């Protein structure tokens, strides 16, 4: 079992920044890839960014050059630094990982960007 708890969401004006955190606990020693996804109202959940235990990263085209995913393995925490936020970034942001055949999700944190 893995537990993921997100924090750091909120309301920000367009052009502003937020930093999301995801703290992992439980059976975390074998975790490799961790990621952030988001789901806007009426839309499907989509990938935002992923990072491996070795630090390799992958981003959705819509957030490249604005968002940065990072990881502190000692703290079992993954971060998502979001800069130059746009109203279309408004969504619930979820932390995600996979361990064997099991996929784990956090409860999500709301990010709202006002124009």
C-alpha atoms as a PDB file:
ATOM      1  CA  UNK A   1       0.000   0.000   0.000  1.00  0.00           C
ATOM      2  CA  UNK A   2       1.088   3.526  -0.813  1.00  0.00           C
ATOM      3  CA  UNK A   3      -0.487   6.707   0.454  1.00  0.00           C
ATOM      4  CA  UNK A   4      -0.130   9.975  -1.453  1.00  0.00           C
ATOM      5  CA  UNK A   5      -1.089  13.340   0.025  1.00  0.00           C
ATOM      6  CA  UNK A   6      -1.058  16.488  -2.089  1.00  0.00           C
ATOM      7  CA  UNK A   7      -0.831  20.056  -0.835  1.00  0.00           C
ATOM      8  CA  UNK A   8      -0.135  23.536  -2.104  1.00  0.00           C
ATOM      9  CA  UNK A   9      -3.108  24.278  -4.312  1.00  0.00           C
ATOM     10  CA  UNK A  10      -5.035  27.531  -4.197  1.00  0.00           C
ATOM     11  CA  UNK A  11      -6.261  30.564  -6.074  1.00  0.00           C
ATOM     12  CA  UNK A  12      -3.779  32.599  -8.091  1.00  0.00           C
ATOM     13  CA  UNK A  13      -3.965  35.255 -10.768  1.00  0.00           C
ATOM     14  CA  UNK A  14      -2.866  34.550 -14.319  1.00  0.00           C
ATOM     15  CA  UNK A  15       0.904  34.862 -14.598  1.00  0.00           C
ATOM     16  CA  UNK A  16       1.404  33.811 -11.001  1.00  0.00           C
ATOM     17  CA  UNK A  17       3.083  30.769  -9.495  1.00  0.00           C
ATOM     18  CA  UNK A  18       2.226  27.884  -7.188  1.00  0.00           C
ATOM     19  CA  UNK A  19       4.219  24.964  -5.841  1.00  0.00           C
ATOM     20  CA  UNK A  20       2.465  21.652  -5.267  1.00  0.00           C
ATOM     21  CA  UNK A  21       3.828  18.936  -3.000  1.00  0.00           C
ATOM     22  CA  UNK A  22       3.034  15.235  -2.834  1.00  0.00           C
ATOM     23  CA  UNK A  23       4.165  13.275   0.207  1.00  0.00           C
ATOM     24  CA  UNK A  24       4.354   9.500  -0.201  1.00  0.00           C
ATOM     25  CA  UNK A  25       4.219   6.991   2.627  1.00  0.00           C
ATOM     26  CA  UNK A  26       3.783   3.267   3.044  1.00  0.00           C
ATOM     27  CA  UNK A  27       5.531   0.694   0.859  1.00  0.00           C
ATOM     28  CA  UNK A  28       7.545   3.240  -1.067  1.00  0.00           C
ATOM     29  CA  UNK A  29      10.939   1.598  -1.425  1.00  0.00           C
ATOM     30  CA  UNK A  30      10.217   0.154  -4.862  1.00  0.00           C
ATOM     31  CA  UNK A  31       8.604   3.231  -6.343  1.00  0.00           C
ATOM     32  CA  UNK A  32      10.236   4.394  -9.574  1.00  0.00           C
ATOM     33  CA  UNK A  33       8.003   6.773 -11.499  1.00  0.00           C
ATOM     34  CA  UNK A  34       5.876   9.410  -9.810  1.00  0.00           C
ATOM     35  CA  UNK A  35       3.713  11.873 -11.624  1.00  0.00           C
ATOM     36  CA  UNK A  36       1.226  14.692 -11.587  1.00  0.00           C
ATOM     37  CA  UNK A  37      -2.065  14.580 -13.453  1.00  0.00           C
ATOM     38  CA  UNK A  38      -4.886  17.091 -13.626  1.00  0.00           C
ATOM     39  CA  UNK A  39      -8.587  17.065 -14.343  1.00  0.00           C
ATOM     40  CA  UNK A  40     -10.542  20.146 -15.328  1.00  0.00           C
ATOM     41  CA  UNK A  41     -14.349  20.264 -15.045  1.00  0.00           C
ATOM     42  CA  UNK A  42     -15.967  18.277 -17.832  1.00  0.00           C
ATOM     43  CA  UNK A  43     -12.648  16.977 -19.118  1.00  0.00           C
ATOM     44  CA  UNK A  44     -10.690  13.759 -18.826  1.00  0.00           C
ATOM     45  CA  UNK A  45      -7.790  13.422 -16.439  1.00  0.00           C
ATOM     46  CA  UNK A  46      -4.544  14.200 -18.262  1.00  0.00           C
ATOM     47  CA  UNK A  47      -0.850  13.761 -17.639  1.00  0.00           C
ATOM     48  CA  UNK A  48       1.060  16.855 -16.547  1.00  0.00           C
ATOM     49  CA  UNK A  49       4.542  15.562 -15.725  1.00  0.00           C
ATOM     50  CA  UNK A  50       6.417  12.497 -14.510  1.00  0.00           C
ATOM     51  CA  UNK A  51       9.777  11.899 -12.867  1.00  0.00           C
ATOM     52  CA  UNK A  52      11.756   8.720 -12.283  1.00  0.00           C
ATOM     53  CA  UNK A  53      13.774   7.856  -9.198  1.00  0.00           C
ATOM     54  CA  UNK A  54      16.853   8.760 -11.237  1.00  0.00           C
ATOM     55  CA  UNK A  55      15.505  12.195 -12.073  1.00  0.00           C
ATOM     56  CA  UNK A  56      14.415  11.745 -15.690  1.00  0.00           C
ATOM     57  CA  UNK A  57      11.416  13.931 -16.453  1.00  0.00           C
ATOM     58  CA  UNK A  58       8.595  14.080 -18.967  1.00  0.00           C
ATOM     59  CA  UNK A  59       6.098  16.912 -19.539  1.00  0.00           C
ATOM     60  CA  UNK A  60       2.899  17.509 -21.390  1.00  0.00           C
ATOM     61  CA  UNK A  61       3.416  19.952 -24.250  1.00  0.00           C
ATOM     62  CA  UNK A  62       0.968  22.381 -22.670  1.00  0.00           C
ATOM     63  CA  UNK A  63       3.146  22.881 -19.590  1.00  0.00           C
ATOM     64  CA  UNK A  64       6.675  22.599 -20.985  1.00  0.00           C
ATOM     65  CA  UNK A  65       8.879  25.557 -20.071  1.00  0.00           C
ATOM     66  CA  UNK A  66       6.363  26.665 -17.410  1.00  0.00           C
ATOM     67  CA  UNK A  67       6.168  23.731 -14.974  1.00  0.00           C
ATOM     68  CA  UNK A  68       9.016  21.863 -13.305  1.00  0.00           C
ATOM     69  CA  UNK A  69       8.696  18.518 -11.568  1.00  0.00           C
ATOM     70  CA  UNK A  70      11.268  17.558  -8.952  1.00  0.00           C
ATOM     71  CA  UNK A  71      11.754  14.912  -6.338  1.00  0.00           C
ATOM     72  CA  UNK A  72      13.340  14.626  -2.909  1.00  0.00           C
ATOM     73  CA  UNK A  73      13.875  10.905  -2.379  1.00  0.00           C
ATOM     74  CA  UNK A  74      15.058  11.438   1.197  1.00  0.00           C
ATOM     75  CA  UNK A  75      11.730  13.105   2.041  1.00  0.00           C
ATOM     76  CA  UNK A  76       9.658  10.841  -0.199  1.00  0.00           C
ATOM     77  CA  UNK A  77       8.162  13.960  -1.729  1.00  0.00           C
ATOM     78  CA  UNK A  78       7.519  15.093  -5.283  1.00  0.00           C
ATOM     79  CA  UNK A  79       7.029  18.738  -6.189  1.00  0.00           C
ATOM     80  CA  UNK A  80       5.452  20.574  -9.096  1.00  0.00           C
ATOM     81  CA  UNK A  81       6.595  24.158  -9.520  1.00  0.00           C
ATOM     82  CA  UNK A  82       4.081  25.958 -11.715  1.00  0.00           C
ATOM     83  CA  UNK A  83       5.018  29.318 -13.200  1.00  0.00           C
ATOM     84  CA  UNK A  84       3.297  31.626 -15.674  1.00  0.00           C
ATOM     85  CA  UNK A  85      -0.029  30.072 -14.799  1.00  0.00           C
ATOM     86  CA  UNK A  86      -2.934  30.428 -17.214  1.00  0.00           C
ATOM     87  CA  UNK A  87      -6.685  30.163 -16.638  1.00  0.00           C
ATOM     88  CA  UNK A  88      -6.645  26.914 -18.630  1.00  0.00           C
ATOM     89  CA  UNK A  89      -4.395  25.406 -15.955  1.00  0.00           C
ATOM     90  CA  UNK A  90      -7.379  25.464 -13.592  1.00  0.00           C
ATOM     91  CA  UNK A  91      -8.016  21.890 -12.470  1.00  0.00           C
ATOM     92  CA  UNK A  92      -7.731  19.426  -9.633  1.00  0.00           C
ATOM     93  CA  UNK A  93      -4.141  18.196  -9.576  1.00  0.00           C
ATOM     94  CA  UNK A  94      -3.486  14.592  -8.553  1.00  0.00           C
ATOM     95  CA  UNK A  95      -0.307  12.825  -7.534  1.00  0.00           C
ATOM     96  CA  UNK A  96       0.172   9.356  -8.991  1.00  0.00           C
ATOM     97  CA  UNK A  97       2.448   6.359  -8.793  1.00  0.00           C
ATOM     98  CA  UNK A  98       2.445   2.724  -9.797  1.00  0.00           C
ATOM     99  CA  UNK A  99       3.811  -0.194  -7.775  1.00  0.00           C
ATOM    100  CA  UNK A 100       3.672  -3.523  -9.535  1.00  0.00           C
ATOM    101  CA  UNK A 101       0.151  -3.959 -10.914  1.00  0.00           C
ATOM    102  CA  UNK A 102      -1.309  -1.318  -8.600  1.00  0.00           C
ATOM    103  CA  UNK A 103      -1.880   2.340  -9.398  1.00  0.00           C
ATOM    104  CA  UNK A 104      -2.177   4.830  -6.551  1.00  0.00           C
ATOM    105  CA  UNK A 105      -3.722   8.300  -6.546  1.00  0.00           C
ATOM    106  CA  UNK A 106      -3.874  11.075  -4.004  1.00  0.00           C
ATOM    107  CA  UNK A 107      -7.130  12.893  -3.272  1.00  0.00           C
ATOM    108  CA  UNK A 108      -6.089  15.902  -5.287  1.00  0.00           C
ATOM    109  CA  UNK A 109      -5.560  19.604  -4.688  1.00  0.00           C
ATOM    110  CA  UNK A 110      -7.517  22.352  -6.420  1.00  0.00           C
ATOM    111  CA  UNK A 111      -5.669  24.938  -8.497  1.00  0.00           C
ATOM    112  CA  UNK A 112      -7.692  27.896  -9.727  1.00  0.00           C
ATOM    113  CA  UNK A 113      -6.181  30.539 -11.995  1.00  0.00           C
ATOM    114  CA  UNK A 114      -8.175  33.730 -12.424  1.00  0.00           C
ATOM    115  CA  UNK A 115      -7.883  35.912 -15.513  1.00  0.00           C
END
